Amino acid sequence: MKHSIVEKLRTFLADDIDSECKVVYALAESRKLLDTSPPDPFPFALKIYCHWALHVDLDNPKTTLPFLERVDEFVASVLGGNDMVKEHQMFREFVFLDTFRGQFKQFLKAYDLPTAVCDEAPRWHQFLRHYAGVIEDGSLSCSADSKRLKLISAVVFTRGRPTADTYVPFRFSWHIALLDGKTLTVDAGAAAPDGKEMIFHSVRLHLKAEGRAAQPGFKRLRREGERG
């Protein structure tokens, strides 16, 4: 089975990934390889974006817990009013999609598959434009029931509004479920004005009122800065 998937991908990746259906096929076949022959270290970011495209939630603690622990630290930083340096590190990986691109390339190289989609900027941005269409109406839930998480229980990813002339052609929304019933929402995007890469984002804390939908809460933070 593994050999068959690799050969299918080899033929497929010889051409441009220039449509939504091609994006779905590439990531679906990649996920099959991840499931049948997982590499070490495991490329968690790649799996996140494969699952988001296929609308399959992630709930295996072995794969989700390390990521959720980082989100747990991020939430502690935000609620504590700290400098939010960790936030920039996570956004560098997820908002700029650096880790997705890097892990996808390493994954393809491991099977001696063509890596042009990751190597060449025009192909990568073409891939992202069609990926944005695939995830437009879908969400991804990432959860783990663990005593090691101090503040959060799950993260739900949705695609934010499209953006023009930016590094990544869409914004991200992270809806972080807190153990106390509140929700922390992070909206973020990436831009590169004059070649200088920037992150723009907002952070909102929603209070969950009894018998009512969550309402905007007492904390609203906005930051803009260079990618660090």
Protein backbone atom coordinates (compact mmCIF):
# COMPACT_ATOMS: atom_id res chain seq x y z
CA MET A 1 0.00 0.00 0.00
CA LYS A 2 2.79 2.42 0.93
CA HIS A 3 4.58 1.89 -2.39
CA SER A 4 1.33 2.43 -4.31
CA ILE A 5 0.64 5.76 -2.55
CA VAL A 6 4.21 6.96 -3.13
CA GLU A 7 4.07 6.18 -6.84
CA LYS A 8 0.69 7.90 -7.22
CA LEU A 9 2.06 10.99 -5.51
CA ARG A 10 5.22 10.92 -7.63
CA THR A 11 3.16 11.12 -10.82
CA PHE A 12 0.74 13.65 -9.34
CA LEU A 13 3.40 16.05 -8.03
CA ALA A 14 5.09 16.28 -11.41
CA ASP A 15 2.40 18.82 -12.36
CA ASP A 16 1.21 22.02 -10.68
CA ILE A 17 -1.30 21.76 -7.83
CA ASP A 18 -3.57 24.36 -9.39
CA SER A 19 -7.07 23.51 -8.16
CA GLU A 20 -8.90 22.77 -4.92
CA CYS A 21 -9.48 19.14 -5.85
CA LYS A 22 -5.75 18.67 -6.47
CA VAL A 23 -4.94 20.14 -3.06
CA VAL A 24 -7.37 17.72 -1.41
CA TYR A 25 -5.90 14.74 -3.29
CA ALA A 26 -2.30 15.66 -2.42
CA LEU A 27 -3.08 16.06 1.28
CA ALA A 28 -5.35 13.00 1.45
CA GLU A 29 -2.63 10.76 0.02
CA SER A 30 -0.04 12.40 2.28
CA ARG A 31 -2.19 11.71 5.31
CA LYS A 32 -2.44 8.04 4.34
CA LEU A 33 1.34 7.83 4.44
CA LEU A 34 1.46 9.67 7.77
CA ASP A 35 -1.00 7.17 9.23
CA THR A 36 0.56 4.00 7.80
CA SER A 37 4.23 4.93 8.15
CA PRO A 38 4.63 7.84 10.61
CA PRO A 39 8.07 9.50 10.55
CA ASP A 40 10.07 10.40 13.63
CA PRO A 41 9.84 13.19 14.70
CA PHE A 42 6.19 13.33 13.81
CA PRO A 43 5.26 16.35 11.61
CA PHE A 44 2.32 17.63 13.65
CA ALA A 45 1.79 20.84 11.67
CA LEU A 46 1.56 18.87 8.43
CA LYS A 47 -1.03 16.57 9.98
CA ILE A 48 -3.06 19.56 11.23
CA TYR A 49 -3.32 21.03 7.74
CA CYS A 50 -4.04 17.66 6.13
CA HIS A 51 -6.89 17.07 8.56
CA TRP A 52 -8.26 20.59 8.18
CA ALA A 53 -8.49 20.12 4.41
CA LEU A 54 -10.29 16.81 4.91
CA HIS A 55 -12.48 18.06 7.78
CA VAL A 56 -11.30 15.35 10.17
CA ASP A 57 -10.86 16.39 13.81
CA LEU A 58 -7.80 15.53 15.86
CA ASP A 59 -8.37 13.98 19.28
CA ASN A 60 -5.52 11.52 19.81
CA PRO A 61 -3.67 12.76 22.91
CA LYS A 62 -0.39 11.26 21.68
CA THR A 63 -0.34 13.73 18.79
CA THR A 64 -2.38 16.67 20.09
CA LEU A 65 -1.12 17.05 23.66
CA PRO A 66 2.31 18.58 22.89
CA PHE A 67 0.65 21.24 20.73
CA LEU A 68 -2.11 21.93 23.25
CA GLU A 69 0.48 22.34 26.00
CA ARG A 70 2.06 25.13 23.94
CA VAL A 71 -1.34 26.75 23.50
CA ASP A 72 -1.86 26.38 27.26
CA GLU A 73 1.36 28.34 27.87
CA PHE A 74 0.30 30.95 25.32
CA VAL A 75 -3.05 31.45 27.07
CA ALA A 76 -1.31 31.83 30.43
CA SER A 77 0.89 34.52 28.85
CA VAL A 78 -2.08 36.37 27.37
CA LEU A 79 -4.21 36.28 30.51
CA GLY A 80 -1.21 37.26 32.61
CA GLY A 81 -0.60 40.36 30.52
CA ASN A 82 2.95 39.33 29.70
CA ASP A 83 5.10 40.35 26.74
CA MET A 84 3.53 37.58 24.58
CA VAL A 85 6.85 36.49 23.04
CA LYS A 86 5.60 32.91 22.88
CA GLU A 87 2.68 34.15 20.84
CA HIS A 88 5.03 35.36 18.12
CA GLN A 89 6.79 31.99 18.00
CA MET A 90 3.53 30.14 17.54
CA PHE A 91 2.30 32.60 14.94
CA ARG A 92 5.58 32.28 13.08
CA GLU A 93 4.87 28.58 12.73
CA PHE A 94 1.14 28.65 12.09
CA VAL A 95 0.22 32.04 10.66
CA PHE A 96 3.16 32.27 8.28
CA LEU A 97 2.80 28.53 7.55
CA ASP A 98 6.59 28.11 7.73
CA THR A 99 6.32 24.85 9.62
CA PHE A 100 3.62 23.49 7.30
CA ARG A 101 5.82 24.24 4.30
CA GLY A 102 8.98 22.90 5.92
CA GLN A 103 7.40 19.70 7.19
CA PHE A 104 5.65 19.07 3.87
CA LYS A 105 9.00 19.41 2.08
CA GLN A 106 10.78 17.08 4.51
CA PHE A 107 7.95 14.59 4.22
CA LEU A 108 8.18 14.57 0.41
CA LYS A 109 11.98 14.31 0.50
CA ALA A 110 11.76 11.32 2.82
CA TYR A 111 9.98 9.42 0.04
CA ASP A 112 12.14 10.89 -2.74
CA LEU A 113 9.12 12.76 -4.10
CA PRO A 114 9.18 16.05 -6.06
CA THR A 115 9.35 19.07 -3.73
CA ALA A 116 8.78 21.88 -6.25
CA VAL A 117 5.47 22.84 -4.60
CA CYS A 118 7.46 23.75 -1.46
CA ASP A 119 10.69 24.93 -3.09
CA GLU A 120 9.26 27.47 -5.52
CA ALA A 121 7.45 30.48 -4.04
CA PRO A 122 4.95 30.91 -6.92
CA ARG A 123 3.90 27.26 -6.66
CA TRP A 124 3.62 27.44 -2.88
CA HIS A 125 1.43 30.55 -2.98
CA GLN A 126 -0.71 28.98 -5.71
CA PHE A 127 -1.11 25.95 -3.45
CA LEU A 128 -2.12 28.20 -0.52
CA ARG A 129 -4.72 30.07 -2.59
CA HIS A 130 -6.48 26.82 -3.45
CA TYR A 131 -6.00 25.46 0.06
CA ALA A 132 -7.83 28.56 1.34
CA GLY A 133 -10.82 27.59 -0.81
CA VAL A 134 -10.79 24.02 0.51
CA ILE A 135 -10.97 25.08 4.18
CA GLU A 136 -13.36 28.00 3.60
CA ASP A 137 -16.43 26.30 5.11
CA GLY A 138 -14.71 23.80 7.37
CA SER A 139 -13.20 23.77 10.82
CA LEU A 140 -10.71 21.62 12.69
CA SER A 141 -11.05 20.69 16.34
CA CYS A 142 -7.96 19.70 18.30
CA SER A 143 -8.60 18.34 21.78
CA ALA A 144 -7.16 16.21 24.58
CA ASP A 145 -8.50 15.33 28.02
CA SER A 146 -5.40 15.69 30.17
CA LYS A 147 -4.52 16.89 33.66
CA ARG A 148 -1.36 18.35 32.16
CA LEU A 149 -3.44 21.14 30.59
CA LYS A 150 -3.93 23.88 33.18
CA LEU A 151 -6.18 26.35 31.34
CA ILE A 152 -7.57 24.92 28.10
CA SER A 153 -9.46 21.90 26.82
CA ALA A 154 -9.57 22.33 23.04
CA VAL A 155 -8.76 24.55 20.08
CA VAL A 156 -11.03 24.96 17.05
CA PHE A 157 -9.48 26.39 13.88
CA THR A 158 -11.56 28.22 11.28
CA ARG A 159 -10.53 30.24 8.26
CA GLY A 160 -10.91 33.96 8.66
CA ARG A 161 -11.68 36.42 5.92
CA PRO A 162 -9.59 36.48 2.74
CA THR A 163 -6.80 39.03 2.58
CA ALA A 164 -5.31 40.80 -0.42
CA ASP A 165 -1.63 41.46 -1.05
CA THR A 166 -0.54 39.59 2.05
CA TYR A 167 1.98 36.84 2.71
CA VAL A 168 -0.78 34.30 3.36
CA PRO A 169 -4.08 34.78 1.43
CA PHE A 170 -6.38 34.30 4.43
CA ARG A 171 -6.65 35.00 8.13
CA PHE A 172 -6.84 32.38 10.86
CA SER A 173 -9.25 32.22 13.78
CA TRP A 174 -8.39 30.13 16.82
CA HIS A 175 -11.26 29.57 19.25
CA ILE A 176 -9.65 28.30 22.44
CA ALA A 177 -11.99 26.65 24.94
CA LEU A 178 -10.92 27.39 28.52
CA LEU A 179 -11.55 25.06 31.43
CA ASP A 180 -13.50 27.77 33.26
CA GLY A 181 -16.12 27.95 30.48
CA LYS A 182 -14.76 31.05 28.73
CA THR A 183 -13.47 31.19 25.15
CA LEU A 184 -10.35 33.00 23.98
CA THR A 185 -10.53 33.93 20.28
CA VAL A 186 -7.38 34.82 18.36
CA ASP A 187 -7.69 36.24 14.83
CA ALA A 188 -4.42 36.55 12.98
CA GLY A 189 -2.92 37.11 9.57
CA ALA A 190 0.43 37.75 7.95
CA ALA A 191 1.57 40.56 5.66
CA ALA A 192 4.83 41.61 4.06
CA PRO A 193 4.73 45.35 3.29
CA ASP A 194 7.91 46.48 1.54
CA GLY A 195 9.30 43.00 2.07
CA LYS A 196 9.12 43.30 5.87
CA GLU A 197 7.10 40.41 7.27
CA MET A 198 4.49 41.46 9.82
CA ILE A 199 1.89 39.77 11.99
CA PHE A 200 -1.47 41.44 12.64
CA HIS A 201 -3.84 39.99 15.17
CA SER A 202 -6.50 40.57 17.79
CA VAL A 203 -7.23 38.66 20.97
CA ARG A 204 -10.67 38.59 22.62
CA LEU A 205 -11.86 36.88 25.78
CA HIS A 206 -15.52 35.86 25.78
CA LEU A 207 -17.41 35.36 29.03
CA LYS A 208 -19.91 32.52 29.05
CA ALA A 209 -23.05 33.83 30.72
CA GLU A 210 -25.46 31.25 32.13
CA GLY A 211 -28.27 30.51 29.69
CA ARG A 212 -26.87 32.91 27.08
CA ALA A 213 -24.38 32.82 24.24
CA ALA A 214 -20.85 33.92 24.98
CA GLN A 215 -20.53 37.69 25.14
CA PRO A 216 -17.44 39.84 24.63
CA GLY A 217 -15.59 39.95 27.92
CA PHE A 218 -13.31 42.26 29.83
CA LYS A 219 -10.11 41.67 27.90
CA ARG A 220 -9.35 42.80 24.37
CA LEU A 221 -5.76 43.06 23.22
CA ARG A 222 -4.34 44.20 19.90
CA ARG A 223 -0.71 43.94 18.83
CA GLU A 224 1.11 44.47 15.56
CA GLY A 225 4.75 43.83 15.00
CA GLU A 226 7.49 42.27 12.97
CA ARG A 227 7.84 38.57 12.77
CA GLY A 228 10.27 37.62 15.50
